[in-house]
Amino acid sequence: MDPSWQTTFALACAALCAAVVPGTLGYATARLETADQQRQELVRTRAEVQAARNLIRRLSSPCDAESGDAGATSSSRAPASPGRTGTVAR
């Protein structure tokens, strides 16, 4: 082989590696950072869902456990007017 051809080939390989390696590392780093951000968002979302479930569980617990009056909801309604059949206007 001709020494000038070998030198040209070596320089071409070095230039190719100088472009490909940093680009690949940058791409991989960006992908890993994105995956980490998505994982953090997933953890945050799971915590929000768990907090909402706990709130719903607390709010849907029976009223008599807190107030001691099981019939409070039915007796606190106003009686229906004589002309109505008991439907509630919305």
N, C-alpha and C. Protein backbone atom coordinates (compact mmCIF):
# COMPACT_ATOMS: atom_id res chain seq x y z
N MET A 1 0.83 -1.17 0.00
CA MET A 1 0.00 0.00 0.00
C MET A 1 0.88 1.24 0.00
N ASP A 2 0.33 2.23 -0.61
CA ASP A 2 1.02 3.51 -0.69
C ASP A 2 0.87 4.25 0.64
N PRO A 3 1.95 4.81 1.18
CA PRO A 3 1.88 5.50 2.47
C PRO A 3 0.90 6.69 2.46
N SER A 4 0.78 7.38 1.34
CA SER A 4 -0.14 8.51 1.31
C SER A 4 -1.59 8.02 1.37
N TRP A 5 -1.85 6.86 0.79
CA TRP A 5 -3.20 6.29 0.85
C TRP A 5 -3.52 5.88 2.28
N GLN A 6 -2.56 5.29 2.96
CA GLN A 6 -2.75 4.90 4.34
C GLN A 6 -2.99 6.11 5.23
N THR A 7 -2.27 7.17 4.99
CA THR A 7 -2.45 8.39 5.76
C THR A 7 -3.82 8.98 5.51
N THR A 8 -4.25 9.00 4.25
CA THR A 8 -5.57 9.52 3.90
C THR A 8 -6.65 8.68 4.55
N PHE A 9 -6.50 7.36 4.51
CA PHE A 9 -7.47 6.46 5.12
C PHE A 9 -7.52 6.67 6.64
N ALA A 10 -6.39 6.81 7.27
CA ALA A 10 -6.33 7.02 8.72
C ALA A 10 -6.99 8.34 9.10
N LEU A 11 -6.73 9.38 8.32
CA LEU A 11 -7.35 10.68 8.59
C LEU A 11 -8.87 10.63 8.38
N ALA A 12 -9.31 9.91 7.37
CA ALA A 12 -10.75 9.77 7.12
C ALA A 12 -11.42 9.01 8.27
N CYS A 13 -10.79 7.95 8.73
CA CYS A 13 -11.34 7.20 9.87
C CYS A 13 -11.36 8.06 11.13
N ALA A 14 -10.33 8.84 11.35
CA ALA A 14 -10.28 9.70 12.53
C ALA A 14 -11.37 10.76 12.46
N ALA A 15 -11.59 11.33 11.27
CA ALA A 15 -12.63 12.34 11.11
C ALA A 15 -14.02 11.73 11.31
N LEU A 16 -14.20 10.53 10.80
CA LEU A 16 -15.47 9.85 10.97
C LEU A 16 -15.73 9.55 12.45
N CYS A 17 -14.73 9.05 13.13
CA CYS A 17 -14.87 8.77 14.56
C CYS A 17 -15.08 10.05 15.36
N ALA A 18 -14.42 11.13 14.95
CA ALA A 18 -14.57 12.41 15.65
C ALA A 18 -15.98 12.95 15.51
N ALA A 19 -16.68 12.60 14.45
CA ALA A 19 -18.05 13.06 14.27
C ALA A 19 -19.07 12.10 14.86
N VAL A 20 -18.84 10.81 14.71
CA VAL A 20 -19.83 9.81 15.11
C VAL A 20 -19.84 9.61 16.63
N VAL A 21 -18.69 9.50 17.25
CA VAL A 21 -18.64 9.18 18.68
C VAL A 21 -19.31 10.27 19.53
N PRO A 22 -18.95 11.55 19.38
CA PRO A 22 -19.62 12.56 20.20
C PRO A 22 -21.13 12.67 19.90
N GLY A 23 -21.50 12.51 18.63
CA GLY A 23 -22.92 12.55 18.29
C GLY A 23 -23.69 11.42 18.93
N THR A 24 -23.12 10.23 18.91
CA THR A 24 -23.77 9.08 19.52
C THR A 24 -23.85 9.24 21.03
N LEU A 25 -22.80 9.73 21.64
CA LEU A 25 -22.81 9.95 23.08
C LEU A 25 -23.82 11.03 23.47
N GLY A 26 -23.90 12.08 22.68
CA GLY A 26 -24.88 13.13 22.95
C GLY A 26 -26.31 12.62 22.83
N TYR A 27 -26.55 11.83 21.80
CA TYR A 27 -27.88 11.24 21.60
C TYR A 27 -28.24 10.32 22.76
N ALA A 28 -27.31 9.46 23.16
CA ALA A 28 -27.57 8.52 24.25
C ALA A 28 -27.80 9.27 25.56
N THR A 29 -27.02 10.32 25.80
CA THR A 29 -27.19 11.10 27.02
C THR A 29 -28.56 11.78 27.05
N ALA A 30 -28.99 12.34 25.92
CA ALA A 30 -30.30 12.99 25.85
C ALA A 30 -31.42 11.98 26.08
N ARG A 31 -31.27 10.80 25.52
CA ARG A 31 -32.29 9.76 25.72
C ARG A 31 -32.36 9.33 27.19
N LEU A 32 -31.22 9.18 27.83
CA LEU A 32 -31.20 8.79 29.23
C LEU A 32 -31.79 9.88 30.12
N GLU A 33 -31.49 11.13 29.82
CA GLU A 33 -32.07 12.24 30.59
C GLU A 33 -33.58 12.29 30.42
N THR A 34 -34.06 12.06 29.20
CA THR A 34 -35.50 12.04 28.95
C THR A 34 -36.16 10.89 29.71
N ALA A 35 -35.53 9.74 29.70
CA ALA A 35 -36.07 8.59 30.44
C ALA A 35 -36.12 8.89 31.93
N ASP A 36 -35.11 9.56 32.47
CA ASP A 36 -35.09 9.91 33.88
C ASP A 36 -36.20 10.92 34.20
N GLN A 37 -36.40 11.90 33.34
CA GLN A 37 -37.47 12.88 33.54
C GLN A 37 -38.84 12.19 33.49
N GLN A 38 -39.02 11.27 32.58
CA GLN A 38 -40.29 10.55 32.48
C GLN A 38 -40.52 9.68 33.72
N ARG A 39 -39.47 9.09 34.25
CA ARG A 39 -39.59 8.29 35.46
C ARG A 39 -40.00 9.17 36.64
N GLN A 40 -39.38 10.35 36.75
CA GLN A 40 -39.74 11.27 37.82
C GLN A 40 -41.19 11.74 37.68
N GLU A 41 -41.63 12.01 36.46
CA GLU A 41 -43.02 12.41 36.22
C GLU A 41 -43.97 11.27 36.58
N LEU A 42 -43.60 10.04 36.28
CA LEU A 42 -44.42 8.89 36.63
C LEU A 42 -44.55 8.74 38.15
N VAL A 43 -43.46 8.92 38.86
CA VAL A 43 -43.49 8.84 40.32
C VAL A 43 -44.38 9.94 40.88
N ARG A 44 -44.26 11.15 40.32
CA ARG A 44 -45.06 12.28 40.79
C ARG A 44 -46.55 12.02 40.50
N THR A 45 -46.85 11.50 39.33
CA THR A 45 -48.24 11.22 38.96
C THR A 45 -48.82 10.12 39.84
N ARG A 46 -48.04 9.08 40.11
CA ARG A 46 -48.51 8.01 40.99
C ARG A 46 -48.81 8.55 42.39
N ALA A 47 -47.98 9.46 42.88
CA ALA A 47 -48.21 10.04 44.20
C ALA A 47 -49.50 10.86 44.19
N GLU A 48 -49.76 11.60 43.12
CA GLU A 48 -50.99 12.38 43.02
C GLU A 48 -52.21 11.47 42.98
N VAL A 49 -52.13 10.39 42.23
CA VAL A 49 -53.25 9.45 42.14
C VAL A 49 -53.49 8.80 43.50
N GLN A 50 -52.43 8.42 44.19
CA GLN A 50 -52.58 7.81 45.51
C GLN A 50 -53.21 8.80 46.49
N ALA A 51 -52.79 10.06 46.42
CA ALA A 51 -53.37 11.07 47.31
C ALA A 51 -54.85 11.28 47.00
N ALA A 52 -55.20 11.28 45.72
CA ALA A 52 -56.61 11.42 45.34
C ALA A 52 -57.42 10.22 45.80
N ARG A 53 -56.88 9.03 45.69
CA ARG A 53 -57.58 7.84 46.16
C ARG A 53 -57.79 7.89 47.67
N ASN A 54 -56.77 8.33 48.39
CA ASN A 54 -56.91 8.44 49.84
C ASN A 54 -57.97 9.47 50.21
N LEU A 55 -58.01 10.58 49.48
CA LEU A 55 -59.01 11.61 49.74
C LEU A 55 -60.41 11.08 49.46
N ILE A 56 -60.57 10.38 48.36
CA ILE A 56 -61.88 9.80 48.03
C ILE A 56 -62.28 8.78 49.07
N ARG A 57 -61.35 7.98 49.52
CA ARG A 57 -61.64 6.97 50.55
C ARG A 57 -62.08 7.64 51.85
N ARG A 58 -61.40 8.74 52.20
CA ARG A 58 -61.79 9.45 53.43
C ARG A 58 -63.15 10.11 53.28
N LEU A 59 -63.40 10.71 52.11
CA LEU A 59 -64.67 11.41 51.91
C LEU A 59 -65.84 10.47 51.76
N SER A 60 -65.61 9.27 51.28
CA SER A 60 -66.70 8.33 51.07
C SER A 60 -66.95 7.43 52.28
N SER A 61 -66.26 7.68 53.36
CA SER A 61 -66.51 6.89 54.57
C SER A 61 -67.88 7.28 55.12
N PRO A 62 -68.52 6.37 55.85
CA PRO A 62 -69.85 6.64 56.38
C PRO A 62 -69.86 7.86 57.29
N CYS A 63 -70.93 8.63 57.20
CA CYS A 63 -71.06 9.83 58.00
C CYS A 63 -71.25 9.51 59.47
N ASP A 64 -71.90 8.37 59.78
CA ASP A 64 -72.18 8.05 61.17
C ASP A 64 -70.91 7.77 61.95
N ALA A 65 -69.83 7.45 61.28
CA ALA A 65 -68.58 7.22 61.99
C ALA A 65 -68.04 8.53 62.54
N GLU A 66 -68.31 9.64 61.87
CA GLU A 66 -67.82 10.92 62.33
C GLU A 66 -68.81 11.63 63.26
N SER A 67 -70.10 11.64 62.89
CA SER A 67 -71.06 12.44 63.65
C SER A 67 -71.86 11.63 64.65
N GLY A 68 -71.95 10.32 64.48
CA GLY A 68 -72.73 9.50 65.37
C GLY A 68 -74.21 9.51 65.05
N ASP A 69 -74.63 10.14 63.96
CA ASP A 69 -76.03 10.24 63.58
C ASP A 69 -76.22 9.61 62.22
N ALA A 70 -76.73 8.40 62.15
CA ALA A 70 -76.85 7.68 60.89
C ALA A 70 -77.97 8.23 60.03
N GLY A 71 -79.00 8.82 60.60
CA GLY A 71 -80.14 9.28 59.81
C GLY A 71 -80.09 10.75 59.48
N ALA A 72 -78.97 11.39 59.60
CA ALA A 72 -78.89 12.83 59.39
C ALA A 72 -79.17 13.22 57.96
N THR A 73 -78.78 12.42 57.00
CA THR A 73 -78.95 12.83 55.61
C THR A 73 -80.40 12.75 55.18
N SER A 74 -81.16 11.75 55.62
CA SER A 74 -82.53 11.63 55.17
C SER A 74 -83.47 12.58 55.92
N SER A 75 -83.20 12.88 57.19
CA SER A 75 -84.09 13.72 57.97
C SER A 75 -83.83 15.20 57.73
N SER A 76 -82.70 15.56 57.14
CA SER A 76 -82.40 16.97 56.96
C SER A 76 -83.00 17.54 55.69
N ARG A 77 -83.59 16.71 54.85
CA ARG A 77 -84.21 17.20 53.62
C ARG A 77 -85.57 17.82 53.94
N ALA A 78 -85.89 18.83 53.16
CA ALA A 78 -87.18 19.47 53.33
C ALA A 78 -88.25 18.59 52.72
N PRO A 79 -89.44 18.56 53.28
CA PRO A 79 -90.50 17.72 52.71
C PRO A 79 -90.91 18.24 51.33
N ALA A 80 -91.31 17.31 50.48
CA ALA A 80 -91.72 17.68 49.13
C ALA A 80 -93.04 18.45 49.20
N SER A 81 -93.22 19.37 48.26
CA SER A 81 -94.47 20.14 48.24
C SER A 81 -95.61 19.21 47.86
N PRO A 82 -96.85 19.53 48.22
CA PRO A 82 -97.98 18.62 48.01
C PRO A 82 -98.20 18.24 46.55
N GLY A 83 -97.88 19.09 45.62
CA GLY A 83 -98.15 18.80 44.22
C GLY A 83 -97.07 17.97 43.53
N ARG A 84 -95.97 17.75 44.18
CA ARG A 84 -94.86 17.02 43.56
C ARG A 84 -94.83 15.58 44.04
N THR A 85 -94.14 14.77 43.22
CA THR A 85 -94.07 13.34 43.56
C THR A 85 -92.75 12.99 44.22
N GLY A 86 -92.01 13.95 44.68
CA GLY A 86 -90.78 13.66 45.38
C GLY A 86 -89.55 13.75 44.50
N THR A 87 -89.66 14.26 43.27
CA THR A 87 -88.49 14.39 42.42
C THR A 87 -87.74 15.64 42.82
N VAL A 88 -86.46 15.60 42.61
CA VAL A 88 -85.62 16.73 42.98
C VAL A 88 -85.29 17.51 41.73
N ALA A 89 -85.50 18.82 41.75
CA ALA A 89 -85.19 19.68 40.61
C ALA A 89 -83.68 19.86 40.51
N ARG A 90 -83.19 19.78 39.31
CA ARG A 90 -81.75 19.95 39.10
C ARG A 90 -81.47 21.14 38.24
